[in-house]
Amino acid sequence: MMIVRAVSGLYKAANFRSRNLNRNLHLNWIDANTSVDVNFYHKGQDKRQVVVQHDKLSSLAESEKLKYYWKAKLERLISLL
């Protein structure tokens, strides 16, 4: 399974390495050099926690950029719930 994202007008895909329903997703990111782990935790009635870990980043600057990227995506997710 793949997810597709528009990047500068082009579409690129991230490939799932594995997934466990209601627990986690492991995927190769669209740059083919980094990986993303998304973990879902049950925190009681009507509460969940989502943790995103983006690995193998090449620099602190890239890390900071993606930190804000993922923050925005998680905020968007919250707005949809």
N, C-alpha and C. Protein backbone atom coordinates (compact mmCIF):
# COMPACT_ATOMS: atom_id res chain seq x y z
N MET A 1 0.84 -1.17 0.00
CA MET A 1 0.00 0.00 0.00
C MET A 1 0.89 1.24 0.00
N MET A 2 0.44 2.27 -0.68
CA MET A 2 1.20 3.51 -0.76
C MET A 2 0.31 4.68 -0.38
N ILE A 3 0.96 5.71 0.15
CA ILE A 3 0.27 6.98 0.30
C ILE A 3 0.94 7.95 -0.65
N VAL A 4 0.17 8.86 -1.18
CA VAL A 4 0.69 9.78 -2.19
C VAL A 4 0.57 11.20 -1.67
N ARG A 5 1.59 11.99 -1.92
CA ARG A 5 1.62 13.38 -1.47
C ARG A 5 2.11 14.26 -2.59
N ALA A 6 1.51 15.42 -2.74
CA ALA A 6 1.95 16.38 -3.76
C ALA A 6 3.14 17.15 -3.21
N VAL A 7 4.23 17.17 -3.94
CA VAL A 7 5.44 17.90 -3.56
C VAL A 7 5.84 18.76 -4.74
N SER A 8 5.77 20.07 -4.58
CA SER A 8 6.12 21.00 -5.65
C SER A 8 5.40 20.67 -6.96
N GLY A 9 4.13 20.31 -6.84
CA GLY A 9 3.36 20.01 -8.03
C GLY A 9 3.53 18.59 -8.56
N LEU A 10 4.47 17.84 -7.97
CA LEU A 10 4.68 16.46 -8.39
C LEU A 10 4.10 15.53 -7.34
N TYR A 11 3.72 14.33 -7.73
CA TYR A 11 3.20 13.37 -6.77
C TYR A 11 4.28 12.35 -6.47
N LYS A 12 4.50 12.14 -5.19
CA LYS A 12 5.47 11.15 -4.75
C LYS A 12 4.78 10.24 -3.75
N ALA A 13 5.29 9.03 -3.60
CA ALA A 13 4.63 8.05 -2.74
C ALA A 13 5.55 7.57 -1.64
N ALA A 14 4.95 7.26 -0.50
CA ALA A 14 5.64 6.61 0.61
C ALA A 14 5.08 5.19 0.69
N ASN A 15 5.95 4.23 0.85
CA ASN A 15 5.54 2.83 0.89
C ASN A 15 5.47 2.32 2.32
N PHE A 16 4.39 1.62 2.64
CA PHE A 16 4.27 1.00 3.95
C PHE A 16 5.21 -0.20 4.03
N ARG A 17 6.00 -0.28 5.09
CA ARG A 17 6.80 -1.47 5.35
C ARG A 17 5.97 -2.48 6.13
N SER A 18 5.24 -1.97 7.13
CA SER A 18 4.35 -2.83 7.90
C SER A 18 3.34 -1.97 8.63
N ARG A 19 2.28 -2.62 9.09
CA ARG A 19 1.27 -1.91 9.86
C ARG A 19 0.55 -2.92 10.75
N ASN A 20 0.17 -2.47 11.91
CA ASN A 20 -0.61 -3.26 12.85
C ASN A 20 -1.83 -2.44 13.21
N LEU A 21 -2.99 -2.94 12.89
CA LEU A 21 -4.24 -2.23 13.07
C LEU A 21 -4.34 -1.63 14.48
N ASN A 22 -4.62 -0.35 14.54
CA ASN A 22 -4.80 0.40 15.80
C ASN A 22 -3.54 0.48 16.66
N ARG A 23 -2.37 0.12 16.11
CA ARG A 23 -1.14 0.18 16.89
C ARG A 23 -0.06 1.03 16.25
N ASN A 24 0.32 0.70 15.00
CA ASN A 24 1.41 1.44 14.39
C ASN A 24 1.46 1.29 12.88
N LEU A 25 2.22 2.20 12.27
CA LEU A 25 2.54 2.17 10.85
C LEU A 25 4.05 2.36 10.73
N HIS A 26 4.67 1.63 9.84
CA HIS A 26 6.09 1.81 9.54
C HIS A 26 6.18 1.99 8.03
N LEU A 27 6.80 3.10 7.61
CA LEU A 27 6.87 3.34 6.17
C LEU A 27 8.18 3.96 5.75
N ASN A 28 8.50 3.76 4.49
CA ASN A 28 9.64 4.42 3.86
C ASN A 28 9.11 5.74 3.32
N TRP A 29 9.76 6.84 3.67
CA TRP A 29 9.30 8.16 3.30
C TRP A 29 9.52 8.41 1.82
N ILE A 30 8.93 9.48 1.30
CA ILE A 30 8.97 9.77 -0.13
C ILE A 30 10.37 10.05 -0.67
N ASP A 31 11.32 10.39 0.22
CA ASP A 31 12.68 10.65 -0.25
C ASP A 31 13.49 9.37 -0.43
N ALA A 32 12.93 8.23 -0.04
CA ALA A 32 13.55 6.90 -0.15
C ALA A 32 14.79 6.74 0.73
N ASN A 33 15.13 7.75 1.54
CA ASN A 33 16.30 7.66 2.41
C ASN A 33 15.94 7.64 3.88
N THR A 34 14.74 8.05 4.22
CA THR A 34 14.34 8.13 5.61
C THR A 34 13.12 7.25 5.86
N SER A 35 12.88 6.97 7.12
CA SER A 35 11.72 6.15 7.47
C SER A 35 10.90 6.85 8.54
N VAL A 36 9.62 6.49 8.59
CA VAL A 36 8.69 7.09 9.54
C VAL A 36 7.98 5.97 10.29
N ASP A 37 7.94 6.10 11.60
CA ASP A 37 7.16 5.21 12.45
C ASP A 37 6.08 6.04 13.11
N VAL A 38 4.84 5.58 13.01
CA VAL A 38 3.71 6.25 13.65
C VAL A 38 3.10 5.24 14.62
N ASN A 39 3.07 5.61 15.90
CA ASN A 39 2.53 4.73 16.93
C ASN A 39 1.27 5.35 17.52
N PHE A 40 0.27 4.50 17.74
CA PHE A 40 -1.01 4.92 18.31
C PHE A 40 -1.15 4.27 19.67
N TYR A 41 -1.42 5.09 20.70
CA TYR A 41 -1.57 4.59 22.06
C TYR A 41 -2.95 4.91 22.60
N HIS A 42 -3.55 3.92 23.25
CA HIS A 42 -4.84 4.10 23.91
C HIS A 42 -4.55 4.69 25.30
N LYS A 43 -5.14 5.83 25.59
CA LYS A 43 -4.87 6.54 26.86
C LYS A 43 -6.12 6.68 27.71
N GLY A 44 -7.00 5.71 27.65
CA GLY A 44 -8.23 5.78 28.42
C GLY A 44 -9.42 6.03 27.53
N GLN A 45 -10.57 6.14 28.17
CA GLN A 45 -11.82 6.33 27.43
C GLN A 45 -11.77 7.62 26.62
N ASP A 46 -12.00 7.50 25.32
CA ASP A 46 -12.05 8.64 24.40
C ASP A 46 -10.74 9.42 24.29
N LYS A 47 -9.61 8.81 24.64
CA LYS A 47 -8.32 9.49 24.52
C LYS A 47 -7.33 8.58 23.80
N ARG A 48 -6.59 9.19 22.89
CA ARG A 48 -5.55 8.47 22.17
C ARG A 48 -4.32 9.38 22.06
N GLN A 49 -3.18 8.76 21.87
CA GLN A 49 -1.94 9.50 21.64
C GLN A 49 -1.34 8.99 20.34
N VAL A 50 -0.87 9.91 19.50
CA VAL A 50 -0.20 9.56 18.25
C VAL A 50 1.22 10.10 18.33
N VAL A 51 2.21 9.22 18.13
CA VAL A 51 3.61 9.62 18.18
C VAL A 51 4.24 9.33 16.82
N VAL A 52 4.87 10.35 16.23
CA VAL A 52 5.54 10.21 14.93
C VAL A 52 7.03 10.31 15.15
N GLN A 53 7.77 9.32 14.64
CA GLN A 53 9.23 9.35 14.71
C GLN A 53 9.77 9.22 13.29
N HIS A 54 10.47 10.26 12.85
CA HIS A 54 11.04 10.29 11.50
C HIS A 54 12.55 10.07 11.65
N ASP A 55 13.05 8.95 11.15
CA ASP A 55 14.44 8.52 11.35
C ASP A 55 15.32 8.77 10.14
N LYS A 56 16.63 8.74 10.39
CA LYS A 56 17.67 8.83 9.37
C LYS A 56 17.72 10.18 8.67
N LEU A 57 17.37 11.24 9.40
CA LEU A 57 17.43 12.58 8.82
C LEU A 57 18.88 13.03 8.73
N SER A 58 19.21 13.80 7.71
CA SER A 58 20.61 14.13 7.42
C SER A 58 21.17 15.31 8.19
N SER A 59 20.30 16.17 8.74
CA SER A 59 20.81 17.35 9.41
C SER A 59 19.83 17.85 10.46
N LEU A 60 20.31 18.70 11.33
CA LEU A 60 19.47 19.33 12.33
C LEU A 60 18.42 20.22 11.66
N ALA A 61 18.82 20.91 10.60
CA ALA A 61 17.89 21.77 9.87
C ALA A 61 16.74 20.96 9.28
N GLU A 62 17.05 19.82 8.70
CA GLU A 62 16.01 18.95 8.15
C GLU A 62 15.11 18.43 9.27
N SER A 63 15.70 18.11 10.39
CA SER A 63 14.95 17.65 11.54
C SER A 63 13.95 18.71 12.02
N GLU A 64 14.41 19.95 12.13
CA GLU A 64 13.53 21.04 12.56
C GLU A 64 12.40 21.28 11.56
N LYS A 65 12.74 21.22 10.29
CA LYS A 65 11.73 21.42 9.24
C LYS A 65 10.63 20.37 9.33
N LEU A 66 11.03 19.11 9.49
CA LEU A 66 10.06 18.04 9.55
C LEU A 66 9.32 18.00 10.88
N LYS A 67 9.94 18.52 11.92
CA LYS A 67 9.25 18.63 13.21
C LYS A 67 8.02 19.51 13.04
N TYR A 68 8.15 20.64 12.37
CA TYR A 68 7.02 21.54 12.14
C TYR A 68 6.04 20.97 11.13
N TYR A 69 6.55 20.24 10.15
CA TYR A 69 5.69 19.58 9.18
C TYR A 69 4.75 18.60 9.89
N TRP A 70 5.33 17.71 10.71
CA TRP A 70 4.52 16.71 11.41
C TRP A 70 3.59 17.36 12.43
N LYS A 71 4.02 18.42 13.07
CA LYS A 71 3.16 19.13 14.02
C LYS A 71 1.92 19.65 13.30
N ALA A 72 2.11 20.24 12.14
CA ALA A 72 0.99 20.77 11.36
C ALA A 72 0.06 19.64 10.93
N LYS A 73 0.61 18.51 10.53
CA LYS A 73 -0.22 17.38 10.09
C LYS A 73 -1.04 16.81 11.25
N LEU A 74 -0.43 16.73 12.43
CA LEU A 74 -1.16 16.22 13.60
C LEU A 74 -2.24 17.21 14.04
N GLU A 75 -1.95 18.50 13.94
CA GLU A 75 -2.97 19.49 14.26
C GLU A 75 -4.14 19.40 13.28
N ARG A 76 -3.84 19.15 12.03
CA ARG A 76 -4.89 18.97 11.02
C ARG A 76 -5.74 17.74 11.36
N LEU A 77 -5.08 16.68 11.78
CA LEU A 77 -5.80 15.46 12.17
C LEU A 77 -6.76 15.76 13.33
N ILE A 78 -6.28 16.49 14.33
CA ILE A 78 -7.11 16.85 15.47
C ILE A 78 -8.32 17.66 15.02
N SER A 79 -8.12 18.56 14.08
CA SER A 79 -9.23 19.40 13.61
C SER A 79 -10.31 18.60 12.88
N LEU A 80 -9.94 17.44 12.37
CA LEU A 80 -10.89 16.60 11.63
C LEU A 80 -11.68 15.67 12.55
N LEU A 81 -11.21 15.49 13.76
CA LEU A 81 -11.88 14.55 14.69
C LEU A 81 -13.04 15.17 15.40
